[in-house]
Amino acid sequence: MRNARARHKGRIDGWQDRAEYRLLVALSFILCLGMVTAQRTVTLVKGQRPATGQGLISEAWAAAHATAGYAFII
């Protein structure tokens, strides 16, 4: 009986960790979307093409996932 409770608690903790990570990625995405938009705007004002072959949203998602992992290094 005790093992069943321990396994259940492990699933709950895992769910909370996943929800926390998704929230962190969502918040990072908003910040990264602003940064990527600003970077692209400056690049276009200079008359250059964007350096990456990615779209705006995909580049922001990639940056958000890349930066979110660093939050847990503490």
PDB file of N, CA and C in Angstrom:
ATOM      1  N   MET A   1       0.822  -1.195   0.000  1.00  0.00           N
ATOM      2  CA  MET A   1       0.000   0.000   0.000  1.00  0.00           C
ATOM      3  C   MET A   1       0.867   1.261   0.000  1.00  0.00           C
ATOM      4  N   ARG A   2       1.936   1.205   0.731  1.00  0.00           N
ATOM      5  CA  ARG A   2       2.787   2.380   0.832  1.00  0.00           C
ATOM      6  C   ARG A   2       3.438   2.718  -0.519  1.00  0.00           C
ATOM      7  N   ASN A   3       3.842   1.695  -1.253  1.00  0.00           N
ATOM      8  CA  ASN A   3       4.444   1.943  -2.563  1.00  0.00           C
ATOM      9  C   ASN A   3       3.472   2.617  -3.516  1.00  0.00           C
ATOM     10  N   ALA A   4       2.212   2.247  -3.450  1.00  0.00           N
ATOM     11  CA  ALA A   4       1.208   2.868  -4.319  1.00  0.00           C
ATOM     12  C   ALA A   4       1.092   4.356  -4.003  1.00  0.00           C
ATOM     13  N   ARG A   5       1.125   4.705  -2.740  1.00  0.00           N
ATOM     14  CA  ARG A   5       1.060   6.132  -2.361  1.00  0.00           C
ATOM     15  C   ARG A   5       2.304   6.874  -2.820  1.00  0.00           C
ATOM     16  N   ALA A   6       3.453   6.253  -2.680  1.00  0.00           N
ATOM     17  CA  ALA A   6       4.703   6.897  -3.093  1.00  0.00           C
ATOM     18  C   ALA A   6       4.722   7.117  -4.601  1.00  0.00           C
ATOM     19  N   ARG A   7       4.237   6.126  -5.363  1.00  0.00           N
ATOM     20  CA  ARG A   7       4.192   6.294  -6.807  1.00  0.00           C
ATOM     21  C   ARG A   7       3.215   7.392  -7.207  1.00  0.00           C
ATOM     22  N   HIS A   8       2.084   7.449  -6.519  1.00  0.00           N
ATOM     23  CA  HIS A   8       1.093   8.482  -6.826  1.00  0.00           C
ATOM     24  C   HIS A   8       1.662   9.865  -6.538  1.00  0.00           C
ATOM     25  N   LYS A   9       2.343  10.016  -5.407  1.00  0.00           N
ATOM     26  CA  LYS A   9       2.939  11.305  -5.077  1.00  0.00           C
ATOM     27  C   LYS A   9       3.990  11.686  -6.115  1.00  0.00           C
ATOM     28  N   GLY A  10       4.730  10.724  -6.614  1.00  0.00           N
ATOM     29  CA  GLY A  10       5.721  10.990  -7.655  1.00  0.00           C
ATOM     30  C   GLY A  10       5.079  11.511  -8.925  1.00  0.00           C
ATOM     31  N   ARG A  11       3.924  10.965  -9.274  1.00  0.00           N
ATOM     32  CA  ARG A  11       3.214  11.451 -10.460  1.00  0.00           C
ATOM     33  C   ARG A  11       2.712  12.870 -10.263  1.00  0.00           C
ATOM     34  N   ILE A  12       2.240  13.174  -9.057  1.00  0.00           N
ATOM     35  CA  ILE A  12       1.749  14.528  -8.787  1.00  0.00           C
ATOM     36  C   ILE A  12       2.902  15.521  -8.858  1.00  0.00           C
ATOM     37  N   ASP A  13       4.016  15.184  -8.256  1.00  0.00           N
ATOM     38  CA  ASP A  13       5.175  16.076  -8.297  1.00  0.00           C
ATOM     39  C   ASP A  13       5.656  16.276  -9.730  1.00  0.00           C
ATOM     40  N   GLY A  14       5.660  15.212 -10.516  1.00  0.00           N
ATOM     41  CA  GLY A  14       6.066  15.322 -11.908  1.00  0.00           C
ATOM     42  C   GLY A  14       5.124  16.230 -12.688  1.00  0.00           C
ATOM     43  N   TRP A  15       3.832  16.140 -12.386  1.00  0.00           N
ATOM     44  CA  TRP A  15       2.845  16.991 -13.046  1.00  0.00           C
ATOM     45  C   TRP A  15       3.088  18.455 -12.695  1.00  0.00           C
ATOM     46  N   GLN A  16       3.380  18.721 -11.441  1.00  0.00           N
ATOM     47  CA  GLN A  16       3.633  20.099 -11.020  1.00  0.00           C
ATOM     48  C   GLN A  16       4.898  20.643 -11.665  1.00  0.00           C
ATOM     49  N   ASP A  17       5.908  19.803 -11.778  1.00  0.00           N
ATOM     50  CA  ASP A  17       7.147  20.236 -12.433  1.00  0.00           C
ATOM     51  C   ASP A  17       6.911  20.559 -13.900  1.00  0.00           C
ATOM     52  N   ARG A  18       6.137  19.720 -14.573  1.00  0.00           N
ATOM     53  CA  ARG A  18       5.841  19.978 -15.989  1.00  0.00           C
ATOM     54  C   ARG A  18       5.037  21.258 -16.166  1.00  0.00           C
ATOM     55  N   ALA A  19       4.063  21.465 -15.274  1.00  0.00           N
ATOM     56  CA  ALA A  19       3.248  22.689 -15.360  1.00  0.00           C
ATOM     57  C   ALA A  19       4.109  23.919 -15.092  1.00  0.00           C
ATOM     58  N   GLU A  20       5.013  23.813 -14.138  1.00  0.00           N
ATOM     59  CA  GLU A  20       5.911  24.933 -13.828  1.00  0.00           C
ATOM     60  C   GLU A  20       6.827  25.229 -15.012  1.00  0.00           C
ATOM     61  N   TYR A  21       7.351  24.175 -15.645  1.00  0.00           N
ATOM     62  CA  TYR A  21       8.225  24.361 -16.799  1.00  0.00           C
ATOM     63  C   TYR A  21       7.467  25.001 -17.960  1.00  0.00           C
ATOM     64  N   ARG A  22       6.242  24.537 -18.206  1.00  0.00           N
ATOM     65  CA  ARG A  22       5.445  25.114 -19.299  1.00  0.00           C
ATOM     66  C   ARG A  22       5.125  26.576 -19.041  1.00  0.00           C
ATOM     67  N   LEU A  23       4.831  26.921 -17.800  1.00  0.00           N
ATOM     68  CA  LEU A  23       4.582  28.321 -17.459  1.00  0.00           C
ATOM     69  C   LEU A  23       5.847  29.144 -17.670  1.00  0.00           C
ATOM     70  N   LEU A  24       6.970  28.598 -17.275  1.00  0.00           N
ATOM     71  CA  LEU A  24       8.236  29.301 -17.459  1.00  0.00           C
ATOM     72  C   LEU A  24       8.552  29.499 -18.941  1.00  0.00           C
ATOM     73  N   VAL A  25       8.290  28.487 -19.756  1.00  0.00           N
ATOM     74  CA  VAL A  25       8.517  28.611 -21.204  1.00  0.00           C
ATOM     75  C   VAL A  25       7.564  29.640 -21.798  1.00  0.00           C
ATOM     76  N   ALA A  26       6.311  29.653 -21.332  1.00  0.00           N
ATOM     77  CA  ALA A  26       5.339  30.618 -21.855  1.00  0.00           C
ATOM     78  C   ALA A  26       5.760  32.046 -21.538  1.00  0.00           C
ATOM     79  N   LEU A  27       6.223  32.275 -20.317  1.00  0.00           N
ATOM     80  CA  LEU A  27       6.691  33.617 -19.949  1.00  0.00           C
ATOM     81  C   LEU A  27       7.957  33.989 -20.712  1.00  0.00           C
ATOM     82  N   SER A  28       8.846  33.022 -20.869  1.00  0.00           N
ATOM     83  CA  SER A  28      10.064  33.272 -21.646  1.00  0.00           C
ATOM     84  C   SER A  28       9.731  33.555 -23.105  1.00  0.00           C
ATOM     85  N   PHE A  29       8.710  32.860 -23.624  1.00  0.00           N
ATOM     86  CA  PHE A  29       8.305  33.075 -25.011  1.00  0.00           C
ATOM     87  C   PHE A  29       7.855  34.518 -25.234  1.00  0.00           C
ATOM     88  N   ILE A  30       7.105  35.059 -24.303  1.00  0.00           N
ATOM     89  CA  ILE A  30       6.639  36.448 -24.437  1.00  0.00           C
ATOM     90  C   ILE A  30       7.826  37.406 -24.484  1.00  0.00           C
ATOM     91  N   LEU A  31       8.782  37.198 -23.604  1.00  0.00           N
ATOM     92  CA  LEU A  31       9.978  38.052 -23.605  1.00  0.00           C
ATOM     93  C   LEU A  31      10.804  37.855 -24.873  1.00  0.00           C
ATOM     94  N   CYS A  32      10.986  36.597 -25.254  1.00  0.00           N
ATOM     95  CA  CYS A  32      11.782  36.311 -26.457  1.00  0.00           C
ATOM     96  C   CYS A  32      11.101  36.817 -27.718  1.00  0.00           C
ATOM     97  N   LEU A  33       9.775  36.756 -27.758  1.00  0.00           N
ATOM     98  CA  LEU A  33       9.051  37.269 -28.919  1.00  0.00           C
ATOM     99  C   LEU A  33       9.294  38.771 -29.069  1.00  0.00           C
ATOM    100  N   GLY A  34       9.289  39.486 -27.959  1.00  0.00           N
ATOM    101  CA  GLY A  34       9.594  40.924 -28.001  1.00  0.00           C
ATOM    102  C   GLY A  34      11.015  41.188 -28.462  1.00  0.00           C
ATOM    103  N   MET A  35      11.944  40.393 -27.970  1.00  0.00           N
ATOM    104  CA  MET A  35      13.347  40.582 -28.349  1.00  0.00           C
ATOM    105  C   MET A  35      13.581  40.243 -29.828  1.00  0.00           C
ATOM    106  N   VAL A  36      13.005  39.153 -30.288  1.00  0.00           N
ATOM    107  CA  VAL A  36      13.179  38.755 -31.685  1.00  0.00           C
ATOM    108  C   VAL A  36      12.522  39.783 -32.607  1.00  0.00           C
ATOM    109  N   THR A  37      11.359  40.283 -32.216  1.00  0.00           N
ATOM    110  CA  THR A  37      10.692  41.305 -33.016  1.00  0.00           C
ATOM    111  C   THR A  37      11.542  42.568 -33.100  1.00  0.00           C
ATOM    112  N   ALA A  38      12.102  42.981 -31.973  1.00  0.00           N
ATOM    113  CA  ALA A  38      12.961  44.174 -31.966  1.00  0.00           C
ATOM    114  C   ALA A  38      14.211  43.949 -32.816  1.00  0.00           C
ATOM    115  N   GLN A  39      14.787  42.768 -32.693  1.00  0.00           N
ATOM    116  CA  GLN A  39      15.988  42.463 -33.471  1.00  0.00           C
ATOM    117  C   GLN A  39      15.688  42.468 -34.970  1.00  0.00           C
ATOM    118  N   ARG A  40      14.572  41.863 -35.341  1.00  0.00           N
ATOM    119  CA  ARG A  40      14.203  41.835 -36.761  1.00  0.00           C
ATOM    120  C   ARG A  40      13.883  43.233 -37.286  1.00  0.00           C
ATOM    121  N   THR A  41      13.241  44.047 -36.463  1.00  0.00           N
ATOM    122  CA  THR A  41      12.906  45.407 -36.876  1.00  0.00           C
ATOM    123  C   THR A  41      14.176  46.216 -37.126  1.00  0.00           C
ATOM    124  N   VAL A  42      15.129  46.115 -36.227  1.00  0.00           N
ATOM    125  CA  VAL A  42      16.398  46.835 -36.395  1.00  0.00           C
ATOM    126  C   VAL A  42      17.122  46.340 -37.645  1.00  0.00           C
ATOM    127  N   THR A  43      17.096  45.026 -37.859  1.00  0.00           N
ATOM    128  CA  THR A  43      17.753  44.463 -39.037  1.00  0.00           C
ATOM    129  C   THR A  43      17.107  44.974 -40.324  1.00  0.00           C
ATOM    130  N   LEU A  44      15.775  45.037 -40.340  1.00  0.00           N
ATOM    131  CA  LEU A  44      15.084  45.525 -41.536  1.00  0.00           C
ATOM    132  C   LEU A  44      15.304  47.020 -41.760  1.00  0.00           C
ATOM    133  N   VAL A  45      15.387  47.786 -40.678  1.00  0.00           N
ATOM    134  CA  VAL A  45      15.654  49.226 -40.809  1.00  0.00           C
ATOM    135  C   VAL A  45      17.039  49.460 -41.406  1.00  0.00           C
ATOM    136  N   LYS A  46      17.976  48.598 -41.054  1.00  0.00           N
ATOM    137  CA  LYS A  46      19.325  48.710 -41.624  1.00  0.00           C
ATOM    138  C   LYS A  46      19.370  48.275 -43.085  1.00  0.00           C
ATOM    139  N   GLY A  47      18.313  47.631 -43.547  1.00  0.00           N
ATOM    140  CA  GLY A  47      18.256  47.191 -44.942  1.00  0.00           C
ATOM    141  C   GLY A  47      18.836  45.812 -45.167  1.00  0.00           C
ATOM    142  N   GLN A  48      18.980  45.029 -44.109  1.00  0.00           N
ATOM    143  CA  GLN A  48      19.539  43.687 -44.226  1.00  0.00           C
ATOM    144  C   GLN A  48      18.424  42.654 -44.091  1.00  0.00           C
ATOM    145  N   ARG A  49      18.730  41.426 -44.488  1.00  0.00           N
ATOM    146  CA  ARG A  49      17.785  40.324 -44.303  1.00  0.00           C
ATOM    147  C   ARG A  49      18.054  39.655 -42.964  1.00  0.00           C
ATOM    148  N   PRO A  50      17.043  39.032 -42.367  1.00  0.00           N
ATOM    149  CA  PRO A  50      17.270  38.289 -41.110  1.00  0.00           C
ATOM    150  C   PRO A  50      18.285  37.173 -41.308  1.00  0.00           C
ATOM    151  N   ALA A  51      19.136  36.974 -40.332  1.00  0.00           N
ATOM    152  CA  ALA A  51      20.224  36.012 -40.445  1.00  0.00           C
ATOM    153  C   ALA A  51      19.734  34.569 -40.384  1.00  0.00           C
ATOM    154  N   THR A  52      18.641  34.314 -39.682  1.00  0.00           N
ATOM    155  CA  THR A  52      18.162  32.942 -39.548  1.00  0.00           C
ATOM    156  C   THR A  52      17.147  32.622 -40.628  1.00  0.00           C
ATOM    157  N   GLY A  53      16.984  31.347 -40.895  1.00  0.00           N
ATOM    158  CA  GLY A  53      16.001  30.906 -41.866  1.00  0.00           C
ATOM    159  C   GLY A  53      14.673  30.559 -41.208  1.00  0.00           C
ATOM    160  N   GLN A  54      14.541  30.867 -39.919  1.00  0.00           N
ATOM    161  CA  GLN A  54      13.332  30.543 -39.169  1.00  0.00           C
ATOM    162  C   GLN A  54      12.327  31.678 -39.239  1.00  0.00           C
ATOM    163  N   GLY A  55      11.089  31.327 -38.968  1.00  0.00           N
ATOM    164  CA  GLY A  55      10.060  32.346 -38.841  1.00  0.00           C
ATOM    165  C   GLY A  55      10.158  33.035 -37.480  1.00  0.00           C
ATOM    166  N   LEU A  56       9.422  34.083 -37.328  1.00  0.00           N
ATOM    167  CA  LEU A  56       9.458  34.874 -36.095  1.00  0.00           C
ATOM    168  C   LEU A  56       9.027  34.052 -34.886  1.00  0.00           C
ATOM    169  N   ILE A  57       7.898  33.358 -34.998  1.00  0.00           N
ATOM    170  CA  ILE A  57       7.374  32.576 -33.881  1.00  0.00           C
ATOM    171  C   ILE A  57       8.280  31.396 -33.556  1.00  0.00           C
ATOM    172  N   SER A  58       8.756  30.686 -34.564  1.00  0.00           N
ATOM    173  CA  SER A  58       9.607  29.528 -34.306  1.00  0.00           C
ATOM    174  C   SER A  58      10.937  29.933 -33.677  1.00  0.00           C
ATOM    175  N   GLU A  59      11.459  31.065 -34.071  1.00  0.00           N
ATOM    176  CA  GLU A  59      12.702  31.544 -33.459  1.00  0.00           C
ATOM    177  C   GLU A  59      12.478  31.926 -31.998  1.00  0.00           C
ATOM    178  N   ALA A  60      11.331  32.534 -31.703  1.00  0.00           N
ATOM    179  CA  ALA A  60      11.013  32.894 -30.320  1.00  0.00           C
ATOM    180  C   ALA A  60      10.798  31.651 -29.465  1.00  0.00           C
ATOM    181  N   TRP A  61      10.125  30.618 -30.007  1.00  0.00           N
ATOM    182  CA  TRP A  61       9.926  29.370 -29.252  1.00  0.00           C
ATOM    183  C   TRP A  61      11.256  28.688 -28.976  1.00  0.00           C
ATOM    184  N   ALA A  62      12.133  28.664 -29.966  1.00  0.00           N
ATOM    185  CA  ALA A  62      13.442  28.043 -29.786  1.00  0.00           C
ATOM    186  C   ALA A  62      14.251  28.770 -28.711  1.00  0.00           C
ATOM    187  N   ALA A  63      14.208  30.086 -28.736  1.00  0.00           N
ATOM    188  CA  ALA A  63      14.922  30.860 -27.720  1.00  0.00           C
ATOM    189  C   ALA A  63      14.312  30.654 -26.334  1.00  0.00           C
ATOM    190  N   ALA A  64      12.991  30.555 -26.262  1.00  0.00           N
ATOM    191  CA  ALA A  64      12.324  30.349 -24.973  1.00  0.00           C
ATOM    192  C   ALA A  64      12.691  28.994 -24.376  1.00  0.00           C
ATOM    193  N   HIS A  65      12.699  27.950 -25.199  1.00  0.00           N
ATOM    194  CA  HIS A  65      13.074  26.624 -24.703  1.00  0.00           C
ATOM    195  C   HIS A  65      14.549  26.581 -24.313  1.00  0.00           C
ATOM    196  N   ALA A  66      15.380  27.293 -25.043  1.00  0.00           N
ATOM    197  CA  ALA A  66      16.803  27.305 -24.731  1.00  0.00           C
ATOM    198  C   ALA A  66      17.079  28.030 -23.412  1.00  0.00           C
ATOM    199  N   THR A  67      16.369  29.104 -23.144  1.00  0.00           N
ATOM    200  CA  THR A  67      16.632  29.879 -21.928  1.00  0.00           C
ATOM    201  C   THR A  67      15.918  29.323 -20.706  1.00  0.00           C
ATOM    202  N   ALA A  68      14.799  28.639 -20.875  1.00  0.00           N
ATOM    203  CA  ALA A  68      14.026  28.145 -19.738  1.00  0.00           C
ATOM    204  C   ALA A  68      14.797  27.093 -18.938  1.00  0.00           C
ATOM    205  N   GLY A  69      15.610  26.315 -19.602  1.00  0.00           N
ATOM    206  CA  GLY A  69      16.388  25.297 -18.898  1.00  0.00           C
ATOM    207  C   GLY A  69      17.384  25.865 -17.910  1.00  0.00           C
ATOM    208  N   TYR A  70      17.859  27.061 -18.156  1.00  0.00           N
ATOM    209  CA  TYR A  70      18.831  27.677 -17.270  1.00  0.00           C
ATOM    210  C   TYR A  70      18.222  28.120 -15.938  1.00  0.00           C
ATOM    211  N   ALA A  71      16.926  28.200 -15.842  1.00  0.00           N
ATOM    212  CA  ALA A  71      16.271  28.617 -14.599  1.00  0.00           C
ATOM    213  C   ALA A  71      16.446  27.579 -13.499  1.00  0.00           C
ATOM    214  N   PHE A  72      16.678  26.324 -13.847  1.00  0.00           N
ATOM    215  CA  PHE A  72      16.767  25.256 -12.860  1.00  0.00           C
ATOM    216  C   PHE A  72      18.206  24.917 -12.478  1.00  0.00           C
ATOM    217  N   ILE A  73      19.168  25.681 -12.939  1.00  0.00           N
ATOM    218  CA  ILE A  73      20.575  25.384 -12.650  1.00  0.00           C
ATOM    219  C   ILE A  73      20.983  25.824 -11.235  1.00  0.00           C
ATOM    220  N   ILE A  74      20.261  26.698 -10.658  1.00  0.00           N
ATOM    221  CA  ILE A  74      20.619  27.271  -9.349  1.00  0.00           C
ATOM    222  C   ILE A  74      21.010  26.267  -8.333  1.00  0.00           C
TER     223      ILE A  74
END
